[in-house]
C-alpha cells in the first residue's frame, strides 16, 4: 500500500499475464434428446411425425414399444448426384474456327518437343 491514499494500487492483478484466455473447462451444451413416442402414437400420428422431421422441428424421433426404444425416424441422407456429361448436348454449336488459335496458345507454353 502506498503512503498516498489517492494513489491506485493494482495489487496482484497487475502481475497477471496478458494473453489469450485458457480453454474453458465447461463442455459445450449437448444437443437435445430426440423426441420419444410410443407405438400407438407413431401409428396414429405418422404423417405429423414425418412432417416434423421434414421441417427440421425434430432431427430424430425414437419410437418405443412398452417404453423401450425400438426404431428411429430420421431424415435420409440424399446422395449428391455427380456431373452428368452431355446434359446440354445439341443445345450449343461451336464455330468452325474454335481450334484456329491452338498453335498460338501452345506457343505461350514454350517450345514443344
N, C-alpha and C. Protein backbone atom coordinates (compact mmCIF):
# COMPACT_ATOMS: atom_id res chain seq x y z
N UNK A 1 0.85 -1.17 0.00
CA UNK A 1 0.00 0.00 0.00
C UNK A 1 0.89 1.22 0.00
N UNK A 2 0.55 2.20 -0.82
CA UNK A 2 1.37 3.40 -0.89
C UNK A 2 0.98 4.35 0.23
N UNK A 3 1.84 5.31 0.47
CA UNK A 3 1.62 6.27 1.54
C UNK A 3 0.50 7.24 1.17
N UNK A 4 0.36 7.54 -0.07
CA UNK A 4 -0.66 8.49 -0.50
C UNK A 4 -1.97 7.73 -0.73
N UNK A 5 -3.05 8.05 -0.02
CA UNK A 5 -4.30 7.31 -0.17
C UNK A 5 -4.98 7.55 -1.51
N UNK A 6 -4.58 8.55 -2.27
CA UNK A 6 -5.18 8.84 -3.57
C UNK A 6 -4.54 8.03 -4.70
N UNK A 7 -3.43 7.36 -4.43
CA UNK A 7 -2.80 6.55 -5.46
C UNK A 7 -3.50 5.20 -5.56
N UNK A 8 -3.58 4.69 -6.80
CA UNK A 8 -4.20 3.39 -7.03
C UNK A 8 -3.15 2.30 -6.94
N UNK A 9 -3.41 1.28 -6.17
CA UNK A 9 -2.51 0.13 -6.06
C UNK A 9 -3.19 -1.05 -6.76
N UNK A 10 -2.66 -1.50 -7.93
CA UNK A 10 -3.32 -2.59 -8.65
C UNK A 10 -3.23 -3.92 -7.94
N UNK A 11 -2.32 -4.08 -7.01
CA UNK A 11 -2.20 -5.31 -6.26
C UNK A 11 -1.76 -6.47 -7.13
N UNK A 12 -2.13 -7.72 -6.77
CA UNK A 12 -1.66 -8.90 -7.50
C UNK A 12 -2.23 -9.00 -8.92
N UNK A 13 -3.30 -8.29 -9.21
CA UNK A 13 -3.88 -8.37 -10.56
C UNK A 13 -2.92 -7.81 -11.60
N UNK A 14 -2.04 -6.90 -11.22
CA UNK A 14 -1.09 -6.32 -12.17
C UNK A 14 -0.07 -7.35 -12.62
N UNK A 15 0.13 -8.39 -11.85
CA UNK A 15 1.12 -9.41 -12.19
C UNK A 15 0.56 -10.48 -13.11
N UNK A 16 -0.75 -10.45 -13.40
CA UNK A 16 -1.35 -11.47 -14.28
C UNK A 16 -0.86 -11.27 -15.70
N UNK A 17 -0.51 -12.35 -16.39
CA UNK A 17 -0.04 -12.22 -17.77
C UNK A 17 -1.18 -11.80 -18.69
N UNK A 18 -0.82 -11.03 -19.70
CA UNK A 18 -1.80 -10.62 -20.69
C UNK A 18 -1.63 -11.54 -21.89
N UNK A 19 -2.71 -12.11 -22.36
CA UNK A 19 -2.64 -13.03 -23.49
C UNK A 19 -3.97 -13.74 -23.66
N UNK A 20 -3.99 -14.78 -24.48
CA UNK A 20 -5.25 -15.48 -24.70
C UNK A 20 -5.72 -16.18 -23.44
N UNK A 21 -7.02 -16.24 -23.30
CA UNK A 21 -7.60 -16.90 -22.14
C UNK A 21 -7.43 -18.42 -22.30
N UNK A 22 -7.24 -19.12 -21.21
CA UNK A 22 -7.13 -20.59 -21.31
C UNK A 22 -8.48 -21.18 -21.74
N UNK A 23 -8.43 -22.37 -22.28
CA UNK A 23 -9.64 -23.04 -22.73
C UNK A 23 -10.60 -23.21 -21.57
N UNK A 24 -11.87 -23.03 -21.84
CA UNK A 24 -12.89 -23.13 -20.81
C UNK A 24 -13.06 -24.59 -20.40
N UNK A 25 -13.13 -24.85 -19.09
CA UNK A 25 -13.34 -26.24 -18.65
C UNK A 25 -14.79 -26.68 -18.81
N UNK A 26 -15.68 -25.75 -19.20
CA UNK A 26 -17.09 -26.09 -19.36
C UNK A 26 -17.30 -26.68 -20.75
N UNK A 27 -17.80 -27.90 -20.84
CA UNK A 27 -18.01 -28.51 -22.16
C UNK A 27 -19.16 -27.81 -22.89
N UNK A 28 -19.19 -27.90 -24.23
CA UNK A 28 -20.29 -27.30 -24.98
C UNK A 28 -21.60 -28.01 -24.66
N UNK A 29 -22.72 -27.32 -24.81
CA UNK A 29 -24.00 -27.96 -24.48
C UNK A 29 -24.30 -29.12 -25.42
N UNK A 30 -24.94 -30.13 -24.87
CA UNK A 30 -25.31 -31.30 -25.67
C UNK A 30 -26.57 -31.00 -26.46
N UNK A 31 -26.70 -31.62 -27.65
CA UNK A 31 -27.93 -31.42 -28.40
C UNK A 31 -29.11 -32.01 -27.63
N UNK A 32 -30.30 -31.48 -27.85
CA UNK A 32 -31.45 -32.01 -27.11
C UNK A 32 -31.70 -33.48 -27.44
N UNK A 33 -32.23 -34.18 -26.46
CA UNK A 33 -32.53 -35.61 -26.64
C UNK A 33 -33.62 -35.74 -27.69
N UNK A 34 -33.58 -36.81 -28.49
CA UNK A 34 -34.63 -36.98 -29.51
C UNK A 34 -35.99 -37.20 -28.85
N UNK A 35 -37.02 -36.78 -29.54
CA UNK A 35 -38.38 -36.99 -29.04
C UNK A 35 -38.68 -38.48 -29.08
N UNK A 36 -39.34 -38.97 -28.03
CA UNK A 36 -39.69 -40.39 -27.99
C UNK A 36 -41.22 -40.50 -27.97
N UNK A 37 -41.74 -41.35 -28.85
CA UNK A 37 -43.19 -41.59 -28.91
C UNK A 37 -43.44 -43.09 -28.79
N UNK A 38 -44.63 -43.44 -28.30
CA UNK A 38 -44.94 -44.86 -28.21
C UNK A 38 -45.49 -45.35 -29.54
N UNK A 39 -45.62 -46.64 -29.68
CA UNK A 39 -46.01 -47.26 -30.94
C UNK A 39 -47.39 -46.79 -31.40
N UNK A 40 -48.34 -46.70 -30.50
CA UNK A 40 -49.70 -46.27 -30.87
C UNK A 40 -49.68 -44.84 -31.40
N UNK A 41 -48.96 -43.95 -30.73
CA UNK A 41 -48.86 -42.56 -31.20
C UNK A 41 -48.18 -42.50 -32.56
N UNK A 42 -47.15 -43.31 -32.75
CA UNK A 42 -46.44 -43.32 -34.03
C UNK A 42 -47.37 -43.78 -35.16
N UNK A 43 -48.22 -44.77 -34.88
CA UNK A 43 -49.14 -45.25 -35.90
C UNK A 43 -50.20 -44.21 -36.24
N UNK A 44 -50.73 -43.54 -35.24
CA UNK A 44 -51.82 -42.59 -35.49
C UNK A 44 -51.31 -41.23 -35.95
N UNK A 45 -50.10 -40.87 -35.63
CA UNK A 45 -49.57 -39.54 -35.95
C UNK A 45 -48.40 -39.59 -36.93
N UNK A 46 -48.28 -40.66 -37.72
CA UNK A 46 -47.11 -40.82 -38.58
C UNK A 46 -46.90 -39.63 -39.51
N UNK A 47 -47.95 -39.15 -40.14
CA UNK A 47 -47.81 -38.01 -41.06
C UNK A 47 -47.26 -36.78 -40.35
N UNK A 48 -47.75 -36.50 -39.17
CA UNK A 48 -47.26 -35.34 -38.41
C UNK A 48 -45.81 -35.54 -37.97
N UNK A 49 -45.45 -36.75 -37.59
CA UNK A 49 -44.07 -37.02 -37.18
C UNK A 49 -43.12 -36.84 -38.36
N UNK A 50 -43.50 -37.34 -39.53
CA UNK A 50 -42.67 -37.19 -40.73
C UNK A 50 -42.54 -35.71 -41.09
N UNK A 51 -43.63 -34.97 -40.97
CA UNK A 51 -43.58 -33.54 -41.26
C UNK A 51 -42.64 -32.82 -40.29
N UNK A 52 -42.65 -33.22 -39.02
CA UNK A 52 -41.75 -32.61 -38.04
C UNK A 52 -40.29 -32.87 -38.40
N UNK A 53 -40.01 -34.02 -38.97
CA UNK A 53 -38.64 -34.33 -39.42
C UNK A 53 -38.31 -33.50 -40.65
N UNK A 54 -39.24 -33.44 -41.61
CA UNK A 54 -39.01 -32.70 -42.85
C UNK A 54 -38.77 -31.22 -42.61
N UNK A 55 -39.51 -30.62 -41.70
CA UNK A 55 -39.40 -29.19 -41.45
C UNK A 55 -38.23 -28.85 -40.54
N UNK A 56 -37.63 -29.86 -39.93
CA UNK A 56 -36.50 -29.61 -39.05
C UNK A 56 -36.89 -29.34 -37.62
N UNK A 57 -38.18 -29.46 -37.31
CA UNK A 57 -38.63 -29.27 -35.92
C UNK A 57 -37.94 -30.29 -35.01
N UNK A 58 -37.79 -31.50 -35.51
CA UNK A 58 -37.05 -32.56 -34.82
C UNK A 58 -36.07 -33.17 -35.80
N UNK A 59 -34.88 -33.49 -35.32
CA UNK A 59 -33.91 -34.15 -36.21
C UNK A 59 -34.04 -35.66 -36.12
N UNK A 60 -34.65 -36.12 -35.03
CA UNK A 60 -34.79 -37.56 -34.82
C UNK A 60 -35.95 -37.82 -33.89
N UNK A 61 -36.74 -38.84 -34.19
CA UNK A 61 -37.84 -39.26 -33.32
C UNK A 61 -37.66 -40.74 -33.07
N UNK A 62 -37.66 -41.12 -31.80
CA UNK A 62 -37.48 -42.52 -31.41
C UNK A 62 -38.85 -43.11 -31.13
N UNK A 63 -39.10 -44.28 -31.70
CA UNK A 63 -40.36 -44.99 -31.48
C UNK A 63 -40.10 -46.11 -30.48
N UNK A 64 -40.93 -46.13 -29.44
CA UNK A 64 -40.73 -47.10 -28.36
C UNK A 64 -41.93 -48.05 -28.26
N UNK A 65 -41.62 -49.25 -27.82
CA UNK A 65 -42.67 -50.24 -27.53
C UNK A 65 -42.52 -50.58 -26.05
N UNK A 66 -43.57 -50.34 -25.30
CA UNK A 66 -43.57 -50.57 -23.85
C UNK A 66 -42.42 -49.80 -23.18
N UNK A 67 -42.17 -48.59 -23.66
CA UNK A 67 -41.14 -47.75 -23.05
C UNK A 67 -39.72 -48.06 -23.49
N UNK A 68 -39.54 -49.10 -24.33
CA UNK A 68 -38.20 -49.49 -24.78
C UNK A 68 -38.01 -49.04 -26.23
N UNK A 69 -36.99 -48.20 -26.50
CA UNK A 69 -36.77 -47.73 -27.87
C UNK A 69 -36.51 -48.89 -28.82
N UNK A 70 -37.23 -48.89 -29.96
CA UNK A 70 -37.06 -49.97 -30.93
C UNK A 70 -36.79 -49.48 -32.34
N UNK A 71 -37.11 -48.21 -32.65
CA UNK A 71 -36.91 -47.70 -34.01
C UNK A 71 -36.59 -46.21 -33.95
N UNK A 72 -36.01 -45.74 -35.04
CA UNK A 72 -35.63 -44.33 -35.13
C UNK A 72 -36.16 -43.75 -36.44
N UNK A 73 -36.83 -42.61 -36.36
CA UNK A 73 -37.33 -41.91 -37.52
C UNK A 73 -36.44 -40.69 -37.72
N UNK A 74 -35.76 -40.61 -38.86
CA UNK A 74 -34.81 -39.52 -39.10
C UNK A 74 -34.78 -39.22 -40.59
N UNK A 75 -34.09 -38.14 -40.97
CA UNK A 75 -34.02 -37.79 -42.38
C UNK A 75 -33.08 -38.73 -43.11
N UNK A 76 -33.30 -38.86 -44.40
CA UNK A 76 -32.41 -39.64 -45.24
C UNK A 76 -31.29 -38.74 -45.75
N UNK A 77 -30.10 -39.26 -45.82
CA UNK A 77 -29.00 -38.53 -46.42
C UNK A 77 -29.12 -38.71 -47.92
N UNK A 78 -29.46 -37.65 -48.60
CA UNK A 78 -29.59 -37.75 -50.05
C UNK A 78 -28.22 -37.61 -50.67
N UNK A 79 -27.86 -38.59 -51.46
CA UNK A 79 -26.55 -38.59 -52.10
C UNK A 79 -26.55 -37.54 -53.21
N UNK A 80 -25.48 -36.79 -53.28
CA UNK A 80 -25.35 -35.80 -54.33
C UNK A 80 -25.05 -36.50 -55.64
N UNK A 81 -25.76 -36.10 -56.66
CA UNK A 81 -25.51 -36.69 -57.97
C UNK A 81 -24.27 -36.07 -58.56
N UNK A 82 -23.48 -36.88 -59.22
CA UNK A 82 -22.29 -36.39 -59.89
C UNK A 82 -22.66 -35.63 -61.15
N UNK A 83 -21.68 -35.06 -61.77
CA UNK A 83 -21.92 -34.32 -63.00
C UNK A 83 -22.37 -35.28 -64.10
N UNK A 84 -23.30 -34.85 -64.86
CA UNK A 84 -23.83 -35.65 -65.95
C UNK A 84 -23.28 -35.10 -67.26
N UNK A 85 -22.39 -35.84 -67.91
CA UNK A 85 -21.83 -35.39 -69.17
C UNK A 85 -22.87 -35.48 -70.26
N UNK A 86 -22.86 -34.49 -71.13
CA UNK A 86 -23.78 -34.50 -72.26
C UNK A 86 -25.15 -33.97 -71.93
N UNK A 87 -25.31 -33.36 -70.78
CA UNK A 87 -26.63 -32.89 -70.38
C UNK A 87 -27.13 -31.78 -71.31
N UNK A 88 -26.23 -31.01 -71.94
CA UNK A 88 -26.63 -29.92 -72.84
C UNK A 88 -26.33 -30.26 -74.30
N UNK A 89 -26.18 -31.52 -74.60
CA UNK A 89 -25.84 -31.94 -75.96
C UNK A 89 -26.88 -31.42 -76.95
N UNK A 90 -26.40 -30.77 -78.01
CA UNK A 90 -27.28 -30.27 -79.04
C UNK A 90 -27.85 -28.89 -78.77
N UNK A 91 -27.63 -28.34 -77.60
CA UNK A 91 -28.17 -27.02 -77.27
C UNK A 91 -27.23 -25.90 -77.69
N UNK A 92 -25.97 -26.20 -77.95
CA UNK A 92 -24.99 -25.20 -78.32
C UNK A 92 -24.23 -25.67 -79.55
N UNK A 93 -23.81 -24.74 -80.35
CA UNK A 93 -22.98 -25.08 -81.50
C UNK A 93 -21.68 -24.30 -81.40
N UNK A 94 -20.58 -24.96 -81.70
CA UNK A 94 -19.26 -24.32 -81.68
C UNK A 94 -18.93 -23.84 -83.09
N UNK A 95 -18.31 -22.66 -83.20
CA UNK A 95 -17.94 -22.19 -84.54
C UNK A 95 -16.84 -23.07 -85.14
N UNK A 96 -16.75 -23.08 -86.47
CA UNK A 96 -15.74 -23.89 -87.15
C UNK A 96 -14.33 -23.42 -86.80
N UNK A 97 -14.16 -22.17 -86.41
CA UNK A 97 -12.83 -21.62 -86.10
C UNK A 97 -12.43 -21.82 -84.64
N UNK A 98 -13.10 -22.67 -83.92
CA UNK A 98 -12.81 -22.82 -82.49
C UNK A 98 -11.38 -23.28 -82.22
N UNK A 99 -10.80 -24.06 -83.12
CA UNK A 99 -9.45 -24.58 -82.91
C UNK A 99 -8.39 -23.76 -83.63
N UNK A 100 -8.74 -22.66 -84.23
CA UNK A 100 -7.78 -21.89 -85.03
C UNK A 100 -6.67 -21.27 -84.18
N UNK A 101 -6.90 -21.00 -82.94
CA UNK A 101 -5.89 -20.36 -82.08
C UNK A 101 -5.03 -21.38 -81.33
N UNK A 102 -5.24 -22.67 -81.53
CA UNK A 102 -4.49 -23.68 -80.79
C UNK A 102 -2.97 -23.54 -80.94
N UNK A 103 -2.40 -23.35 -82.12
CA UNK A 103 -0.94 -23.20 -82.22
C UNK A 103 -0.44 -21.96 -81.45
N UNK A 104 -1.18 -20.88 -81.50
CA UNK A 104 -0.79 -19.67 -80.79
C UNK A 104 -0.83 -19.91 -79.28
N UNK A 105 -1.84 -20.58 -78.79
CA UNK A 105 -1.97 -20.88 -77.35
C UNK A 105 -0.85 -21.83 -76.94
N UNK A 106 -0.54 -22.84 -77.73
CA UNK A 106 0.54 -23.77 -77.42
C UNK A 106 1.86 -23.05 -77.35
N UNK A 107 2.08 -22.04 -78.20
CA UNK A 107 3.33 -21.27 -78.18
C UNK A 107 3.51 -20.50 -76.89
N UNK A 108 2.44 -20.15 -76.22
CA UNK A 108 2.52 -19.44 -74.93
C UNK A 108 3.14 -20.31 -73.84
N UNK A 109 3.11 -21.60 -74.03
CA UNK A 109 3.65 -22.53 -73.03
C UNK A 109 5.07 -22.98 -73.34
N UNK A 110 5.71 -22.32 -74.28
CA UNK A 110 7.11 -22.63 -74.59
C UNK A 110 7.20 -23.57 -75.77
N UNK A 111 8.45 -23.87 -76.15
CA UNK A 111 8.66 -24.74 -77.30
C UNK A 111 8.20 -26.17 -77.02
N UNK A 112 7.62 -26.77 -78.03
CA UNK A 112 7.13 -28.15 -77.90
C UNK A 112 8.22 -29.10 -78.37
N UNK A 113 8.40 -30.17 -77.68
CA UNK A 113 9.43 -31.12 -78.07
C UNK A 113 8.87 -32.26 -78.89
